[in-house]
C-alpha atoms as a PDB file:
ATOM      1  CA  MET A   1      41.750  20.682  10.029  1.00  0.00           C
ATOM      2  CA  LYS A   2      43.060  20.026  13.511  1.00  0.00           C
ATOM      3  CA  ARG A   3      40.718  18.429  16.024  1.00  0.00           C
ATOM      4  CA  VAL A   4      39.484  20.692  18.836  1.00  0.00           C
ATOM      5  CA  PHE A   5      39.565  19.266  22.371  1.00  0.00           C
ATOM      6  CA  ALA A   6      36.950  21.111  24.453  1.00  0.00           C
ATOM      7  CA  THR A   7      38.413  19.961  27.799  1.00  0.00           C
ATOM      8  CA  PRO A   8      41.747  18.663  29.063  1.00  0.00           C
ATOM      9  CA  GLN A   9      39.954  15.388  29.792  1.00  0.00           C
ATOM     10  CA  ASP A  10      39.019  15.140  26.094  1.00  0.00           C
ATOM     11  CA  ALA A  11      42.657  15.680  25.096  1.00  0.00           C
ATOM     12  CA  GLU A  12      43.844  13.102  27.635  1.00  0.00           C
ATOM     13  CA  ALA A  13      41.303  10.523  26.433  1.00  0.00           C
ATOM     14  CA  ALA A  14      42.487  11.078  22.842  1.00  0.00           C
ATOM     15  CA  PHE A  15      46.116  10.684  23.985  1.00  0.00           C
ATOM     16  CA  TYR A  16      45.496   7.263  25.538  1.00  0.00           C
ATOM     17  CA  ASP A  17      43.289   6.172  22.651  1.00  0.00           C
ATOM     18  CA  ALA A  18      46.094   7.012  20.199  1.00  0.00           C
ATOM     19  CA  LEU A  19      48.578   5.164  22.417  1.00  0.00           C
ATOM     20  CA  GLU A  20      46.452   2.009  22.453  1.00  0.00           C
ATOM     21  CA  ARG A  21      45.874   2.173  18.677  1.00  0.00           C
ATOM     22  CA  LEU A  22      49.537   3.000  17.831  1.00  0.00           C
ATOM     23  CA  ASP A  23      48.248   5.972  15.821  1.00  0.00           C
ATOM     24  CA  LEU A  24      51.035   8.538  15.420  1.00  0.00           C
ATOM     25  CA  ASP A  25      48.904  11.168  13.677  1.00  0.00           C
ATOM     26  CA  ALA A  26      46.222  10.977  16.369  1.00  0.00           C
ATOM     27  CA  MET A  27      48.906  11.098  19.079  1.00  0.00           C
ATOM     28  CA  MET A  28      50.531  14.217  17.685  1.00  0.00           C
ATOM     29  CA  GLU A  29      47.157  15.887  17.207  1.00  0.00           C
ATOM     30  CA  VAL A  30      46.872  15.942  21.019  1.00  0.00           C
ATOM     31  CA  TRP A  31      50.227  17.708  21.463  1.00  0.00           C
ATOM     32  CA  SER A  32      50.817  21.419  21.155  1.00  0.00           C
ATOM     33  CA  GLU A  33      52.966  22.222  18.133  1.00  0.00           C
ATOM     34  CA  ASP A  34      55.217  24.487  20.215  1.00  0.00           C
ATOM     35  CA  ASP A  35      58.918  23.756  20.606  1.00  0.00           C
ATOM     36  CA  GLU A  36      58.532  24.046  24.384  1.00  0.00           C
ATOM     37  CA  ILE A  37      56.735  20.688  24.789  1.00  0.00           C
ATOM     38  CA  VAL A  38      58.390  18.028  26.943  1.00  0.00           C
ATOM     39  CA  CYS A  39      57.990  14.247  27.043  1.00  0.00           C
ATOM     40  CA  ILE A  40      59.685  11.809  29.400  1.00  0.00           C
ATOM     41  CA  HIS A  41      59.050   8.110  28.872  1.00  0.00           C
ATOM     42  CA  PRO A  42      59.757   5.729  31.794  1.00  0.00           C
ATOM     43  CA  GLY A  43      63.496   5.356  32.286  1.00  0.00           C
ATOM     44  CA  GLN A  44      64.304   7.555  29.284  1.00  0.00           C
ATOM     45  CA  PRO A  45      65.896  10.993  28.894  1.00  0.00           C
ATOM     46  CA  ARG A  46      63.834  14.156  28.601  1.00  0.00           C
ATOM     47  CA  LEU A  47      62.718  15.028  25.079  1.00  0.00           C
ATOM     48  CA  SER A  48      62.055  18.641  24.226  1.00  0.00           C
ATOM     49  CA  GLY A  49      60.418  20.059  21.123  1.00  0.00           C
ATOM     50  CA  TYR A  50      57.768  18.839  18.733  1.00  0.00           C
ATOM     51  CA  ASP A  51      60.125  17.007  16.366  1.00  0.00           C
ATOM     52  CA  ALA A  52      61.895  15.082  19.157  1.00  0.00           C
ATOM     53  CA  VAL A  53      58.597  14.094  20.780  1.00  0.00           C
ATOM     54  CA  ARG A  54      57.129  12.975  17.450  1.00  0.00           C
ATOM     55  CA  ALA A  55      60.240  10.931  16.598  1.00  0.00           C
ATOM     56  CA  ALA A  56      60.089   9.141  19.960  1.00  0.00           C
ATOM     57  CA  TRP A  57      56.425   8.219  19.567  1.00  0.00           C
ATOM     58  CA  GLN A  58      57.125   7.072  16.020  1.00  0.00           C
ATOM     59  CA  ARG A  59      59.865   4.692  17.277  1.00  0.00           C
ATOM     60  CA  ILE A  60      57.574   3.363  20.002  1.00  0.00           C
ATOM     61  CA  PHE A  61      54.684   2.779  17.605  1.00  0.00           C
ATOM     62  CA  GLN A  62      56.922   1.156  14.974  1.00  0.00           C
ATOM     63  CA  GLY A  63      57.742  -1.497  17.582  1.00  0.00           C
ATOM     64  CA  GLY A  64      54.170  -2.668  17.082  1.00  0.00           C
ATOM     65  CA  GLN A  65      53.509  -3.613  20.711  1.00  0.00           C
ATOM     66  CA  ARG A  66      49.893  -2.882  21.488  1.00  0.00           C
ATOM     67  CA  LEU A  67      49.185  -1.820  25.034  1.00  0.00           C
ATOM     68  CA  LYS A  68      46.015  -1.633  27.037  1.00  0.00           C
ATOM     69  CA  VAL A  69      45.985   1.302  29.452  1.00  0.00           C
ATOM     70  CA  ARG A  70      43.855   1.626  32.569  1.00  0.00           C
ATOM     71  CA  LEU A  71      44.057   4.895  34.521  1.00  0.00           C
ATOM     72  CA  THR A  72      43.615   5.172  38.295  1.00  0.00           C
ATOM     73  CA  ASN A  73      44.234   7.556  41.188  1.00  0.00           C
ATOM     74  CA  ALA A  74      43.679  10.653  39.085  1.00  0.00           C
ATOM     75  CA  VAL A  75      44.276  14.025  40.689  1.00  0.00           C
ATOM     76  CA  GLN A  76      43.272  16.898  38.421  1.00  0.00           C
ATOM     77  CA  MET A  77      43.954  20.588  38.923  1.00  0.00           C
ATOM     78  CA  GLN A  78      42.843  23.315  36.559  1.00  0.00           C
ATOM     79  CA  SER A  79      43.281  27.051  36.693  1.00  0.00           C
ATOM     80  CA  GLY A  80      42.414  29.240  33.753  1.00  0.00           C
ATOM     81  CA  MET A  81      44.518  28.173  30.797  1.00  0.00           C
ATOM     82  CA  VAL A  82      46.455  25.291  32.440  1.00  0.00           C
ATOM     83  CA  ALA A  83      45.415  21.835  33.638  1.00  0.00           C
ATOM     84  CA  ILE A  84      47.640  19.328  35.445  1.00  0.00           C
ATOM     85  CA  HIS A  85      46.689  15.670  35.743  1.00  0.00           C
ATOM     86  CA  SER A  86      48.590  13.254  37.979  1.00  0.00           C
ATOM     87  CA  LEU A  87      47.619   9.605  37.653  1.00  0.00           C
ATOM     88  CA  HIS A  88      48.701   6.001  37.572  1.00  0.00           C
ATOM     89  CA  GLU A  89      48.891   4.227  34.217  1.00  0.00           C
ATOM     90  CA  HIS A  90      48.360   0.478  34.450  1.00  0.00           C
ATOM     91  CA  LEU A  91      49.872  -0.853  31.231  1.00  0.00           C
ATOM     92  CA  SER A  92      49.414  -4.359  29.921  1.00  0.00           C
ATOM     93  CA  ALA A  93      50.537  -6.083  26.761  1.00  0.00           C
ATOM     94  CA  PRO A  94      47.939  -8.828  26.309  1.00  0.00           C
ATOM     95  CA  SER A  95      49.939 -10.584  23.603  1.00  0.00           C
ATOM     96  CA  GLU A  96      52.897 -10.992  25.971  1.00  0.00           C
ATOM     97  CA  ARG A  97      50.961 -11.300  29.223  1.00  0.00           C
ATOM     98  CA  THR A  98      53.072  -8.581  30.818  1.00  0.00           C
ATOM     99  CA  ALA A  99      51.968  -5.632  32.886  1.00  0.00           C
ATOM    100  CA  GLY A 100      53.441  -2.631  34.624  1.00  0.00           C
ATOM    101  CA  MET A 101      52.525   0.653  36.201  1.00  0.00           C
ATOM    102  CA  ALA A 102      53.763   4.195  35.675  1.00  0.00           C
ATOM    103  CA  VAL A 103      53.261   7.312  37.740  1.00  0.00           C
ATOM    104  CA  THR A 104      52.358  10.018  35.253  1.00  0.00           C
ATOM    105  CA  THR A 105      51.906  13.755  35.039  1.00  0.00           C
ATOM    106  CA  ASN A 106      50.152  15.267  32.023  1.00  0.00           C
ATOM    107  CA  VAL A 107      50.026  19.041  31.570  1.00  0.00           C
ATOM    108  CA  PHE A 108      47.635  20.745  29.158  1.00  0.00           C
ATOM    109  CA  VAL A 109      47.192  24.343  27.990  1.00  0.00           C
ATOM    110  CA  ARG A 110      44.162  25.952  26.446  1.00  0.00           C
ATOM    111  CA  ALA A 111      44.761  27.768  23.172  1.00  0.00           C
ATOM    112  CA  ALA A 112      42.624  29.068  20.325  1.00  0.00           C
ATOM    113  CA  HIS A 113      42.360  25.517  18.941  1.00  0.00           C
ATOM    114  CA  GLY A 114      41.336  23.877  22.234  1.00  0.00           C
ATOM    115  CA  TRP A 115      43.287  22.015  24.887  1.00  0.00           C
ATOM    116  CA  ARG A 116      46.689  20.569  23.967  1.00  0.00           C
ATOM    117  CA  MET A 117      49.273  18.547  25.860  1.00  0.00           C
ATOM    118  CA  ILE A 118      52.560  20.286  26.633  1.00  0.00           C
ATOM    119  CA  VAL A 119      54.086  17.785  29.112  1.00  0.00           C
ATOM    120  CA  HIS A 120      53.843  14.024  29.513  1.00  0.00           C
ATOM    121  CA  HIS A 121      56.131  12.628  32.209  1.00  0.00           C
ATOM    122  CA  ALA A 122      55.848   8.928  33.034  1.00  0.00           C
ATOM    123  CA  SER A 123      58.095   7.220  35.581  1.00  0.00           C
ATOM    124  CA  PRO A 124      58.150   3.578  36.621  1.00  0.00           C
ATOM    125  CA  ALA A 125      55.995   3.160  39.715  1.00  0.00           C
ATOM    126  CA  PRO A 126      57.653   1.757  42.816  1.00  0.00           C
ATOM    127  CA  THR A 127      56.843  -1.886  43.373  1.00  0.00           C
ATOM    128  CA  VAL A 128      56.172  -1.314  47.072  1.00  0.00           C
ATOM    129  CA  THR A 129      54.334   1.733  48.310  1.00  0.00           C
ATOM    130  CA  GLN A 130      55.269   3.097  51.679  1.00  0.00           C
ATOM    131  CA  GLU A 131      52.826   5.040  53.795  1.00  0.00           C
ATOM    132  CA  VAL A 132      54.298   8.217  55.254  1.00  0.00           C
ATOM    133  CA  PRO A 133      53.148   8.735  58.842  1.00  0.00           C
ATOM    134  CA  SER A 134      50.922  11.803  59.076  1.00  0.00           C
ATOM    135  CA  ASP A 135      53.063  13.286  61.889  1.00  0.00           C
ATOM    136  CA  SER A 136      56.297  13.127  59.877  1.00  0.00           C
ATOM    137  CA  PRO A 137      57.733  16.358  58.423  1.00  0.00           C
ATOM    138  CA  LYS A 138      56.701  17.185  54.875  1.00  0.00           C
ATOM    139  CA  VAL A 139      59.546  17.162  52.346  1.00  0.00           C
ATOM    140  CA  LEU A 140      58.900  18.597  48.908  1.00  0.00           C
ATOM    141  CA  HIS A 141      61.764  17.036  46.998  1.00  0.00           C
END
């Protein structure tokens, strides 16, 4: 029986727990089983569909590198059946004493079986953040 996530926050917590534990079954339990899901790992091409997303996580987990993830700067929006979370992932590999940060967007939908992830998009964070003056014009893209 598939686990029910009562909130998008529950699904997101399970996602990062599975990532830290290298648990493929737990990871895929968070994802919707629809073919419309999308996953973009930092610096990698877009993956679309359940099988492609599962295969990518399987390759990552088979590498055996355990990561510790700390989340910051969360911005969460929710409306009805959709929740969007934008956050920073601080990733560290204690065994290799390396660390990095990704800017991430996670999108969840609510279905009969609870909240499920439909998009995970992680991009390498810039090493230097620039403040945009408040009087400058706003550019969307």
